[in-house]
Each structure stands twice: as C-alpha cells, then as structure tokens.
C-alpha cells in the first residue's frame, strides 16, 4: 500500500514473520536447563527460557537458595508442570538427591 511520499508499507511482512516464532508446547517430561535468580525479599524466581525472561514465585525462596548452594548439577525447569528440580549433594548418594520446587505464577 503506497503512502503519499511513494513509500510502501513493509510492516505487514515483519509482523507476520515475527508471529512464526511462537513457543512450542512441551511434553510433561521435557525440561530446560536454567540458571535461576532468587529474590529473597519478594520470593521471585527468574530465569531465561527460549530467550524469554520468565518470573515465578515461591513461598520459601530461602530453601531454593540453600539448594542452589549445594547443587551438583545444573538446575532443570519443567515448564509443563512449573517444577524446578535441583540436584544437591548428599552423604551416601553419589549422584546427589533431587529437590523439587513447584513455582507459582507471579
């Protein structure tokens, strides 16, 4: 569609191409490795998934920070169930023990 100065509208094509990058639905058992950031005063947990900053809430953020300080593997985020799993060191468990945290929408 031409404008008064002769230029054409190219915004339609850029809007359509950006709509193609919608996040795909994940299976329940599919996870993403994340590096969580914990705000102890608000209880918010933030991390990046597929290039998007995601923010959640947990009622006991100190438990998450304690688990992060003892983590022996990268944190795993299960988007379908909103579960953050941390593997922490434990005596008698060579591979560590899984701690699960269910996060709420902020």
PDB file of N, CA and C in Angstrom:
ATOM      1  N   UNK A   1       0.847  -1.170   0.000  1.00  0.00           N
ATOM      2  CA  UNK A   1       0.000   0.000   0.000  1.00  0.00           C
ATOM      3  C   UNK A   1       0.891   1.231   0.000  1.00  0.00           C
ATOM      4  N   UNK A   2       0.854   2.065  -1.029  1.00  0.00           N
ATOM      5  CA  UNK A   2       1.734   3.233  -1.108  1.00  0.00           C
ATOM      6  C   UNK A   2       1.245   4.368  -0.202  1.00  0.00           C
ATOM      7  N   UNK A   3       2.225   5.093   0.335  1.00  0.00           N
ATOM      8  CA  UNK A   3       1.929   6.274   1.130  1.00  0.00           C
ATOM      9  C   UNK A   3       2.013   7.498   0.225  1.00  0.00           C
ATOM     10  N   UNK A   4       1.764   8.679   0.778  1.00  0.00           N
ATOM     11  CA  UNK A   4       1.790   9.913  -0.015  1.00  0.00           C
ATOM     12  C   UNK A   4       3.175  10.176  -0.609  1.00  0.00           C
ATOM     13  N   UNK A   5       4.237   9.795   0.101  1.00  0.00           N
ATOM     14  CA  UNK A   5       5.580  10.068  -0.395  1.00  0.00           C
ATOM     15  C   UNK A   5       6.103   8.959  -1.306  1.00  0.00           C
ATOM     16  N   UNK A   6       5.280   7.970  -1.648  1.00  0.00           N
ATOM     17  CA  UNK A   6       5.689   6.921  -2.569  1.00  0.00           C
ATOM     18  C   UNK A   6       6.249   5.687  -1.894  1.00  0.00           C
ATOM     19  N   UNK A   7       6.462   5.748  -0.579  1.00  0.00           N
ATOM     20  CA  UNK A   7       6.991   4.577   0.128  1.00  0.00           C
ATOM     21  C   UNK A   7       5.894   3.524   0.269  1.00  0.00           C
ATOM     22  N   UNK A   8       6.308   2.287   0.368  1.00  0.00           N
ATOM     23  CA  UNK A   8       5.329   1.215   0.551  1.00  0.00           C
ATOM     24  C   UNK A   8       5.391   0.689   1.974  1.00  0.00           C
ATOM     25  N   UNK A   9       4.328   0.092   2.423  1.00  0.00           N
ATOM     26  CA  UNK A   9       4.259  -0.446   3.783  1.00  0.00           C
ATOM     27  C   UNK A   9       4.883  -1.837   3.809  1.00  0.00           C
ATOM     28  N   UNK A  10       5.991  -1.972   4.545  1.00  0.00           N
ATOM     29  CA  UNK A  10       6.632  -3.278   4.688  1.00  0.00           C
ATOM     30  C   UNK A  10       6.405  -3.845   6.074  1.00  0.00           C
ATOM     31  N   UNK A  11       5.706  -3.106   6.917  1.00  0.00           N
ATOM     32  CA  UNK A  11       5.477  -3.556   8.287  1.00  0.00           C
ATOM     33  C   UNK A  11       4.645  -4.826   8.317  1.00  0.00           C
ATOM     34  N   UNK A  12       3.765  -5.028   7.336  1.00  0.00           N
ATOM     35  CA  UNK A  12       2.934  -6.227   7.320  1.00  0.00           C
ATOM     36  C   UNK A  12       3.790  -7.489   7.264  1.00  0.00           C
ATOM     37  N   UNK A  13       4.845  -7.478   6.477  1.00  0.00           N
ATOM     38  CA  UNK A  13       5.698  -8.658   6.357  1.00  0.00           C
ATOM     39  C   UNK A  13       6.488  -8.910   7.631  1.00  0.00           C
ATOM     40  N   UNK A  14       6.962  -7.867   8.299  1.00  0.00           N
ATOM     41  CA  UNK A  14       7.731  -8.083   9.518  1.00  0.00           C
ATOM     42  C   UNK A  14       6.832  -8.561  10.651  1.00  0.00           C
ATOM     43  N   UNK A  15       5.614  -8.090  10.702  1.00  0.00           N
ATOM     44  CA  UNK A  15       4.696  -8.549  11.741  1.00  0.00           C
ATOM     45  C   UNK A  15       4.373 -10.023  11.527  1.00  0.00           C
ATOM     46  N   UNK A  16       4.145 -10.416  10.294  1.00  0.00           N
ATOM     47  CA  UNK A  16       3.816 -11.805  10.017  1.00  0.00           C
ATOM     48  C   UNK A  16       4.998 -12.729  10.305  1.00  0.00           C
ATOM     49  N   UNK A  17       6.214 -12.308   9.975  1.00  0.00           N
ATOM     50  CA  UNK A  17       7.360 -13.185  10.207  1.00  0.00           C
ATOM     51  C   UNK A  17       7.654 -13.336  11.692  1.00  0.00           C
ATOM     52  N   UNK A  18       7.403 -12.305  12.511  1.00  0.00           N
ATOM     53  CA  UNK A  18       7.661 -12.426  13.943  1.00  0.00           C
ATOM     54  C   UNK A  18       6.632 -13.318  14.610  1.00  0.00           C
ATOM     55  N   UNK A  19       5.454 -13.477  14.014  1.00  0.00           N
ATOM     56  CA  UNK A  19       4.435 -14.342  14.594  1.00  0.00           C
ATOM     57  C   UNK A  19       4.782 -15.814  14.421  1.00  0.00           C
ATOM     58  N   UNK A  20       5.751 -16.136  13.593  1.00  0.00           N
ATOM     59  CA  UNK A  20       6.127 -17.525  13.379  1.00  0.00           C
ATOM     60  C   UNK A  20       6.928 -18.106  14.536  1.00  0.00           C
ATOM     61  N   UNK A  21       7.491 -17.279  15.384  1.00  0.00           N
ATOM     62  CA  UNK A  21       8.345 -17.739  16.463  1.00  0.00           C
ATOM     63  C   UNK A  21       7.592 -17.890  17.767  1.00  0.00           C
ATOM     64  N   UNK A  22       6.483 -18.576  17.746  1.00  0.00           N
ATOM     65  CA  UNK A  22       5.729 -18.846  18.960  1.00  0.00           C
ATOM     66  C   UNK A  22       6.374 -20.012  19.701  1.00  0.00           C
ATOM     67  N   UNK A  23       6.380 -19.966  21.042  1.00  0.00           N
ATOM     68  CA  UNK A  23       6.977 -21.090  21.766  1.00  0.00           C
ATOM     69  C   UNK A  23       6.150 -22.351  21.555  1.00  0.00           C
ATOM     70  N   UNK A  24       6.841 -23.451  21.326  1.00  0.00           N
ATOM     71  CA  UNK A  24       6.126 -24.698  21.090  1.00  0.00           C
ATOM     72  C   UNK A  24       5.731 -25.326  22.419  1.00  0.00           C
ATOM     73  N   UNK A  25       4.622 -26.035  22.462  1.00  0.00           N
ATOM     74  CA  UNK A  25       4.232 -26.707  23.699  1.00  0.00           C
ATOM     75  C   UNK A  25       5.222 -27.820  24.035  1.00  0.00           C
ATOM     76  N   UNK A  26       5.505 -27.991  25.298  1.00  0.00           N
ATOM     77  CA  UNK A  26       6.472 -29.008  25.730  1.00  0.00           C
ATOM     78  C   UNK A  26       5.747 -30.187  26.365  1.00  0.00           C
ATOM     79  N   UNK A  27       6.381 -31.362  26.259  1.00  0.00           N
ATOM     80  CA  UNK A  27       5.855 -32.549  26.929  1.00  0.00           C
ATOM     81  C   UNK A  27       6.041 -32.395  28.433  1.00  0.00           C
ATOM     82  N   UNK A  28       5.302 -33.174  29.203  1.00  0.00           N
ATOM     83  CA  UNK A  28       5.371 -33.097  30.661  1.00  0.00           C
ATOM     84  C   UNK A  28       6.752 -33.476  31.173  1.00  0.00           C
ATOM     85  N   UNK A  29       7.418 -34.436  30.531  1.00  0.00           N
ATOM     86  CA  UNK A  29       8.722 -34.883  31.000  1.00  0.00           C
ATOM     87  C   UNK A  29       9.896 -34.123  30.384  1.00  0.00           C
ATOM     88  N   UNK A  30       9.616 -33.102  29.582  1.00  0.00           N
ATOM     89  CA  UNK A  30      10.671 -32.338  28.922  1.00  0.00           C
ATOM     90  C   UNK A  30      11.127 -31.189  29.830  1.00  0.00           C
ATOM     91  N   UNK A  31      12.455 -31.019  29.929  1.00  0.00           N
ATOM     92  CA  UNK A  31      12.976 -29.964  30.787  1.00  0.00           C
ATOM     93  C   UNK A  31      13.949 -29.065  30.035  1.00  0.00           C
ATOM     94  N   UNK A  32      14.240 -27.920  30.670  1.00  0.00           N
ATOM     95  CA  UNK A  32      15.181 -26.946  30.144  1.00  0.00           C
ATOM     96  C   UNK A  32      16.169 -26.639  31.267  1.00  0.00           C
ATOM     97  N   UNK A  33      17.458 -26.617  30.943  1.00  0.00           N
ATOM     98  CA  UNK A  33      18.444 -26.222  31.952  1.00  0.00           C
ATOM     99  C   UNK A  33      18.420 -24.718  32.102  1.00  0.00           C
ATOM    100  N   UNK A  34      18.378 -24.253  33.354  1.00  0.00           N
ATOM    101  CA  UNK A  34      18.277 -22.825  33.636  1.00  0.00           C
ATOM    102  C   UNK A  34      19.256 -22.443  34.743  1.00  0.00           C
ATOM    103  N   UNK A  35      19.492 -21.145  34.846  1.00  0.00           N
ATOM    104  CA  UNK A  35      20.243 -20.582  35.964  1.00  0.00           C
ATOM    105  C   UNK A  35      19.276 -19.648  36.695  1.00  0.00           C
ATOM    106  N   UNK A  36      18.686 -20.114  37.798  1.00  0.00           N
ATOM    107  CA  UNK A  36      17.685 -19.289  38.472  1.00  0.00           C
ATOM    108  C   UNK A  36      18.307 -18.158  39.283  1.00  0.00           C
ATOM    109  N   UNK A  37      17.637 -17.026  39.232  1.00  0.00           N
ATOM    110  CA  UNK A  37      17.964 -15.902  40.086  1.00  0.00           C
ATOM    111  C   UNK A  37      16.874 -15.790  41.135  1.00  0.00           C
ATOM    112  N   UNK A  38      17.257 -15.682  42.411  1.00  0.00           N
ATOM    113  CA  UNK A  38      16.286 -15.698  43.501  1.00  0.00           C
ATOM    114  C   UNK A  38      16.291 -14.356  44.218  1.00  0.00           C
ATOM    115  N   UNK A  39      15.119 -13.753  44.358  1.00  0.00           N
ATOM    116  CA  UNK A  39      14.938 -12.525  45.132  1.00  0.00           C
ATOM    117  C   UNK A  39      14.331 -12.929  46.468  1.00  0.00           C
ATOM    118  N   UNK A  40      15.134 -12.876  47.534  1.00  0.00           N
ATOM    119  CA  UNK A  40      14.667 -13.333  48.838  1.00  0.00           C
ATOM    120  C   UNK A  40      13.587 -12.443  49.436  1.00  0.00           C
ATOM    121  N   UNK A  41      13.585 -11.163  49.133  1.00  0.00           N
ATOM    122  CA  UNK A  41      12.597 -10.264  49.738  1.00  0.00           C
ATOM    123  C   UNK A  41      11.210 -10.433  49.122  1.00  0.00           C
ATOM    124  N   UNK A  42      11.133 -10.706  47.820  1.00  0.00           N
ATOM    125  CA  UNK A  42       9.833 -10.868  47.164  1.00  0.00           C
ATOM    126  C   UNK A  42       9.457 -12.322  46.928  1.00  0.00           C
ATOM    127  N   UNK A  43      10.420 -13.219  47.009  1.00  0.00           N
ATOM    128  CA  UNK A  43      10.162 -14.626  46.733  1.00  0.00           C
ATOM    129  C   UNK A  43      10.099 -14.940  45.256  1.00  0.00           C
ATOM    130  N   UNK A  44      10.605 -14.031  44.418  1.00  0.00           N
ATOM    131  CA  UNK A  44      10.528 -14.252  42.976  1.00  0.00           C
ATOM    132  C   UNK A  44      11.742 -15.052  42.491  1.00  0.00           C
ATOM    133  N   UNK A  45      11.482 -15.913  41.520  1.00  0.00           N
ATOM    134  CA  UNK A  45      12.497 -16.731  40.887  1.00  0.00           C
ATOM    135  C   UNK A  45      12.463 -16.378  39.403  1.00  0.00           C
ATOM    136  N   UNK A  46      13.588 -15.954  38.849  1.00  0.00           N
ATOM    137  CA  UNK A  46      13.632 -15.578  37.436  1.00  0.00           C
ATOM    138  C   UNK A  46      14.711 -16.383  36.721  1.00  0.00           C
ATOM    139  N   UNK A  47      14.454 -16.691  35.467  1.00  0.00           N
ATOM    140  CA  UNK A  47      15.422 -17.352  34.606  1.00  0.00           C
ATOM    141  C   UNK A  47      14.987 -17.168  33.165  1.00  0.00           C
ATOM    142  N   UNK A  48      15.900 -17.481  32.254  1.00  0.00           N
ATOM    143  CA  UNK A  48      15.642 -17.310  30.824  1.00  0.00           C
ATOM    144  C   UNK A  48      15.329 -18.672  30.214  1.00  0.00           C
ATOM    145  N   UNK A  49      14.202 -18.742  29.476  1.00  0.00           N
ATOM    146  CA  UNK A  49      13.802 -19.953  28.762  1.00  0.00           C
ATOM    147  C   UNK A  49      13.501 -19.562  27.325  1.00  0.00           C
ATOM    148  N   UNK A  50      14.183 -20.170  26.384  1.00  0.00           N
ATOM    149  CA  UNK A  50      13.989 -19.904  24.956  1.00  0.00           C
ATOM    150  C   UNK A  50      14.120 -18.417  24.628  1.00  0.00           C
ATOM    151  N   UNK A  51      15.042 -17.735  25.292  1.00  0.00           N
ATOM    152  CA  UNK A  51      15.287 -16.329  25.029  1.00  0.00           C
ATOM    153  C   UNK A  51      14.315 -15.377  25.715  1.00  0.00           C
ATOM    154  N   UNK A  52      13.380 -15.899  26.504  1.00  0.00           N
ATOM    155  CA  UNK A  52      12.405 -15.063  27.213  1.00  0.00           C
ATOM    156  C   UNK A  52      12.651 -15.125  28.707  1.00  0.00           C
ATOM    157  N   UNK A  53      12.598 -13.965  29.360  1.00  0.00           N
ATOM    158  CA  UNK A  53      12.741 -13.899  30.805  1.00  0.00           C
ATOM    159  C   UNK A  53      11.433 -14.343  31.447  1.00  0.00           C
ATOM    160  N   UNK A  54      11.504 -15.355  32.301  1.00  0.00           N
ATOM    161  CA  UNK A  54      10.312 -15.848  32.987  1.00  0.00           C
ATOM    162  C   UNK A  54      10.459 -15.586  34.474  1.00  0.00           C
ATOM    163  N   UNK A  55       9.344 -15.229  35.102  1.00  0.00           N
ATOM    164  CA  UNK A  55       9.354 -14.875  36.511  1.00  0.00           C
ATOM    165  C   UNK A  55       8.252 -15.639  37.233  1.00  0.00           C
ATOM    166  N   UNK A  56       8.628 -16.290  38.342  1.00  0.00           N
ATOM    167  CA  UNK A  56       7.692 -17.073  39.138  1.00  0.00           C
ATOM    168  C   UNK A  56       7.865 -16.720  40.608  1.00  0.00           C
ATOM    169  N   UNK A  57       7.043 -17.330  41.450  1.00  0.00           N
ATOM    170  CA  UNK A  57       7.061 -17.042  42.875  1.00  0.00           C
ATOM    171  C   UNK A  57       7.100 -18.345  43.656  1.00  0.00           C
ATOM    172  N   UNK A  58       7.817 -18.327  44.787  1.00  0.00           N
ATOM    173  CA  UNK A  58       7.830 -19.470  45.705  1.00  0.00           C
ATOM    174  C   UNK A  58       7.722 -18.934  47.124  1.00  0.00           C
ATOM    175  N   UNK A  59       6.953 -19.635  47.960  1.00  0.00           N
ATOM    176  CA  UNK A  59       6.703 -19.152  49.323  1.00  0.00           C
ATOM    177  C   UNK A  59       7.919 -19.279  50.240  1.00  0.00           C
ATOM    178  N   UNK A  60       8.881 -20.116  49.903  1.00  0.00           N
ATOM    179  CA  UNK A  60      10.104 -20.270  50.701  1.00  0.00           C
ATOM    180  C   UNK A  60      11.337 -20.120  49.808  1.00  0.00           C
ATOM    181  N   UNK A  61      11.671 -18.901  49.391  1.00  0.00           N
ATOM    182  CA  UNK A  61      12.824 -18.728  48.489  1.00  0.00           C
ATOM    183  C   UNK A  61      14.154 -19.129  49.122  1.00  0.00           C
ATOM    184  N   UNK A  62      14.248 -19.077  50.451  1.00  0.00           N
ATOM    185  CA  UNK A  62      15.499 -19.459  51.110  1.00  0.00           C
ATOM    186  C   UNK A  62      15.828 -20.943  50.906  1.00  0.00           C
ATOM    187  N   UNK A  63      14.790 -21.771  50.827  1.00  0.00           N
ATOM    188  CA  UNK A  63      15.034 -23.197  50.560  1.00  0.00           C
ATOM    189  C   UNK A  63      15.671 -23.387  49.185  1.00  0.00           C
ATOM    190  N   UNK A  64      15.256 -22.576  48.227  1.00  0.00           N
ATOM    191  CA  UNK A  64      15.826 -22.669  46.883  1.00  0.00           C
ATOM    192  C   UNK A  64      17.280 -22.204  46.884  1.00  0.00           C
ATOM    193  N   UNK A  65      17.579 -21.112  47.592  1.00  0.00           N
ATOM    194  CA  UNK A  65      18.962 -20.628  47.642  1.00  0.00           C
ATOM    195  C   UNK A  65      19.872 -21.627  48.360  1.00  0.00           C
ATOM    196  N   UNK A  66      19.363 -22.282  49.407  1.00  0.00           N
ATOM    197  CA  UNK A  66      20.156 -23.299  50.101  1.00  0.00           C
ATOM    198  C   UNK A  66      20.454 -24.472  49.161  1.00  0.00           C
ATOM    199  N   UNK A  67      19.438 -24.894  48.421  1.00  0.00           N
ATOM    200  CA  UNK A  67      19.633 -25.999  47.477  1.00  0.00           C
ATOM    201  C   UNK A  67      20.593 -25.600  46.355  1.00  0.00           C
ATOM    202  N   UNK A  68      20.489 -24.357  45.879  1.00  0.00           N
ATOM    203  CA  UNK A  68      21.405 -23.890  44.839  1.00  0.00           C
ATOM    204  C   UNK A  68      22.850 -23.882  45.322  1.00  0.00           C
ATOM    205  N   UNK A  69      23.054 -23.563  46.605  1.00  0.00           N
ATOM    206  CA  UNK A  69      24.428 -23.527  47.125  1.00  0.00           C
ATOM    207  C   UNK A  69      25.035 -24.922  47.242  1.00  0.00           C
ATOM    208  N   UNK A  70      24.190 -25.960  47.266  1.00  0.00           N
ATOM    209  CA  UNK A  70      24.674 -27.338  47.364  1.00  0.00           C
ATOM    210  C   UNK A  70      24.492 -28.109  46.059  1.00  0.00           C
ATOM    211  N   UNK A  71      24.098 -27.432  44.999  1.00  0.00           N
ATOM    212  CA  UNK A  71      23.792 -28.109  43.730  1.00  0.00           C
ATOM    213  C   UNK A  71      25.033 -28.743  43.117  1.00  0.00           C
ATOM    214  N   UNK A  72      24.848 -29.951  42.571  1.00  0.00           N
ATOM    215  CA  UNK A  72      25.944 -30.664  41.917  1.00  0.00           C
ATOM    216  C   UNK A  72      25.678 -30.849  40.428  1.00  0.00           C
ATOM    217  N   UNK A  73      24.519 -30.421  39.958  1.00  0.00           N
ATOM    218  CA  UNK A  73      24.155 -30.461  38.547  1.00  0.00           C
ATOM    219  C   UNK A  73      23.403 -29.179  38.212  1.00  0.00           C
ATOM    220  N   UNK A  74      23.313 -28.834  36.918  1.00  0.00           N
ATOM    221  CA  UNK A  74      22.532 -27.648  36.539  1.00  0.00           C
ATOM    222  C   UNK A  74      21.059 -27.798  36.937  1.00  0.00           C
ATOM    223  N   UNK A  75      20.445 -26.674  37.249  1.00  0.00           N
ATOM    224  CA  UNK A  75      19.022 -26.673  37.597  1.00  0.00           C
ATOM    225  C   UNK A  75      18.204 -27.038  36.367  1.00  0.00           C
ATOM    226  N   UNK A  76      17.123 -27.794  36.575  1.00  0.00           N
ATOM    227  CA  UNK A  76      16.246 -28.198  35.477  1.00  0.00           C
ATOM    228  C   UNK A  76      14.859 -27.628  35.714  1.00  0.00           C
ATOM    229  N   UNK A  77      14.295 -27.031  34.673  1.00  0.00           N
ATOM    230  CA  UNK A  77      12.966 -26.429  34.714  1.00  0.00           C
ATOM    231  C   UNK A  77      12.040 -27.247  33.821  1.00  0.00           C
ATOM    232  N   UNK A  78      10.927 -27.699  34.393  1.00  0.00           N
ATOM    233  CA  UNK A  78       9.912 -28.438  33.659  1.00  0.00           C
ATOM    234  C   UNK A  78       8.731 -27.488  33.432  1.00  0.00           C
ATOM    235  N   UNK A  79       8.660 -26.823  32.267  1.00  0.00           N
ATOM    236  CA  UNK A  79       7.618 -25.809  32.032  1.00  0.00           C
ATOM    237  C   UNK A  79       6.194 -26.340  32.112  1.00  0.00           C
ATOM    238  N   UNK A  80       5.963 -27.567  31.682  1.00  0.00           N
ATOM    239  CA  UNK A  80       4.597 -28.094  31.665  1.00  0.00           C
ATOM    240  C   UNK A  80       4.015 -28.222  33.070  1.00  0.00           C
ATOM    241  N   UNK A  81       4.858 -28.516  34.054  1.00  0.00           N
ATOM    242  CA  UNK A  81       4.383 -28.687  35.428  1.00  0.00           C
ATOM    243  C   UNK A  81       4.844 -27.570  36.366  1.00  0.00           C
ATOM    244  N   UNK A  82       5.590 -26.596  35.844  1.00  0.00           N
ATOM    245  CA  UNK A  82       6.161 -25.485  36.619  1.00  0.00           C
ATOM    246  C   UNK A  82       6.981 -25.990  37.807  1.00  0.00           C
ATOM    247  N   UNK A  83       7.801 -27.028  37.535  1.00  0.00           N
ATOM    248  CA  UNK A  83       8.625 -27.631  38.581  1.00  0.00           C
ATOM    249  C   UNK A  83      10.091 -27.314  38.330  1.00  0.00           C
ATOM    250  N   UNK A  84      10.765 -26.796  39.345  1.00  0.00           N
ATOM    251  CA  UNK A  84      12.198 -26.552  39.320  1.00  0.00           C
ATOM    252  C   UNK A  84      12.854 -27.674  40.106  1.00  0.00           C
ATOM    253  N   UNK A  85      13.773 -28.396  39.473  1.00  0.00           N
ATOM    254  CA  UNK A  85      14.443 -29.517  40.128  1.00  0.00           C
ATOM    255  C   UNK A  85      15.921 -29.193  40.279  1.00  0.00           C
ATOM    256  N   UNK A  86      16.393 -29.324  41.523  1.00  0.00           N
ATOM    257  CA  UNK A  86      17.794 -29.100  41.836  1.00  0.00           C
ATOM    258  C   UNK A  86      18.366 -30.397  42.397  1.00  0.00           C
ATOM    259  N   UNK A  87      19.521 -30.795  41.920  1.00  0.00           N
ATOM    260  CA  UNK A  87      20.202 -31.987  42.428  1.00  0.00           C
ATOM    261  C   UNK A  87      21.283 -31.518  43.377  1.00  0.00           C
ATOM    262  N   UNK A  88      21.150 -31.902  44.656  1.00  0.00           N
ATOM    263  CA  UNK A  88      22.070 -31.427  45.688  1.00  0.00           C
ATOM    264  C   UNK A  88      22.920 -32.580  46.209  1.00  0.00           C
ATOM    265  N   UNK A  89      24.078 -32.215  46.739  1.00  0.00           N
ATOM    266  CA  UNK A  89      24.980 -33.201  47.319  1.00  0.00           C
ATOM    267  C   UNK A  89      24.355 -33.786  48.577  1.00  0.00           C
ATOM    268  N   UNK A  90      24.540 -35.092  48.766  1.00  0.00           N
ATOM    269  CA  UNK A  90      24.024 -35.769  49.955  1.00  0.00           C
ATOM    270  C   UNK A  90      24.927 -36.942  50.297  1.00  0.00           C
ATOM    271  N   UNK A  91      25.185 -37.134  51.572  1.00  0.00           N
ATOM    272  CA  UNK A  91      26.018 -38.235  52.027  1.00  0.00           C
ATOM    273  C   UNK A  91      25.346 -39.557  51.691  1.00  0.00           C
ATOM    274  N   UNK A  92      26.111 -40.461  51.096  1.00  0.00           N
ATOM    275  CA  UNK A  92      25.601 -41.779  50.756  1.00  0.00           C
ATOM    276  C   UNK A  92      24.900 -41.845  49.407  1.00  0.00           C
ATOM    277  N   UNK A  93      24.779 -40.711  48.724  1.00  0.00           N
ATOM    278  CA  UNK A  93      24.140 -40.674  47.405  1.00  0.00           C
ATOM    279  C   UNK A  93      25.126 -40.068  46.415  1.00  0.00           C
ATOM    280  N   UNK A  94      25.798 -40.929  45.700  1.00  0.00           N
ATOM    281  CA  UNK A  94      26.873 -40.495  44.813  1.00  0.00           C
ATOM    282  C   UNK A  94      26.393 -39.492  43.756  1.00  0.00           C
ATOM    283  N   UNK A  95      25.218 -39.701  43.199  1.00  0.00           N
ATOM    284  CA  UNK A  95      24.689 -38.819  42.151  1.00  0.00           C
ATOM    285  C   UNK A  95      23.921 -37.630  42.722  1.00  0.00           C
ATOM    286  N   UNK A  96      23.783 -37.561  44.039  1.00  0.00           N
ATOM    287  CA  UNK A  96      23.041 -36.480  44.657  1.00  0.00           C
ATOM    288  C   UNK A  96      21.573 -36.841  44.835  1.00  0.00           C
ATOM    289  N   UNK A  97      20.837 -35.927  45.438  1.00  0.00           N
ATOM    290  CA  UNK A  97      19.412 -36.112  45.717  1.00  0.00           C
ATOM    291  C   UNK A  97      18.656 -34.989  45.032  1.00  0.00           C
ATOM    292  N   UNK A  98      17.526 -35.326  44.420  1.00  0.00           N
ATOM    293  CA  UNK A  98      16.701 -34.321  43.744  1.00  0.00           C
ATOM    294  C   UNK A  98      15.809 -33.597  44.738  1.00  0.00           C
ATOM    295  N   UNK A  99      15.788 -32.272  44.644  1.00  0.00           N
ATOM    296  CA  UNK A  99      14.852 -31.449  45.402  1.00  0.00           C
ATOM    297  C   UNK A  99      13.958 -30.752  44.389  1.00  0.00           C
ATOM    298  N   UNK A 100      12.661 -30.857  44.604  1.00  0.00           N
ATOM    299  CA  UNK A 100      11.688 -30.302  43.668  1.00  0.00           C
ATOM    300  C   UNK A 100      10.981 -29.111  44.292  1.00  0.00           C
ATOM    301  N   UNK A 101      10.805 -28.068  43.498  1.00  0.00           N
ATOM    302  CA  UNK A 101      10.099 -26.870  43.929  1.00  0.00           C
ATOM    303  C   UNK A 101       9.044 -26.531  42.878  1.00  0.00           C
ATOM    304  N   UNK A 102       7.791 -26.479  43.281  1.00  0.00           N
ATOM    305  CA  UNK A 102       6.705 -26.096  42.398  1.00  0.00           C
ATOM    306  C   UNK A 102       6.553 -24.581  42.508  1.00  0.00           C
ATOM    307  N   UNK A 103       6.688 -23.881  41.384  1.00  0.00           N
ATOM    308  CA  UNK A 103       6.626 -22.426  41.380  1.00  0.00           C
ATOM    309  C   UNK A 103       5.256 -21.945  40.915  1.00  0.00           C
ATOM    310  N   UNK A 104       4.822 -20.843  41.463  1.00  0.00           N
ATOM    311  CA  UNK A 104       3.536 -20.247  41.094  1.00  0.00           C
ATOM    312  C   UNK A 104       3.765 -19.088  40.159  1.00  0.00           C
ATOM    313  N   UNK A 105       2.735 -18.775  39.385  1.00  0.00           N
ATOM    314  CA  UNK A 105       2.803 -17.590  38.507  1.00  0.00           C
ATOM    315  C   UNK A 105       2.903 -16.360  39.387  1.00  0.00           C
ATOM    316  N   UNK A 106       3.691 -15.410  38.988  1.00  0.00           N
ATOM    317  CA  UNK A 106       3.914 -14.187  39.791  1.00  0.00           C
ATOM    318  C   UNK A 106       2.834 -13.175  39.532  1.00  0.00           C
TER     319      UNK A 106
END
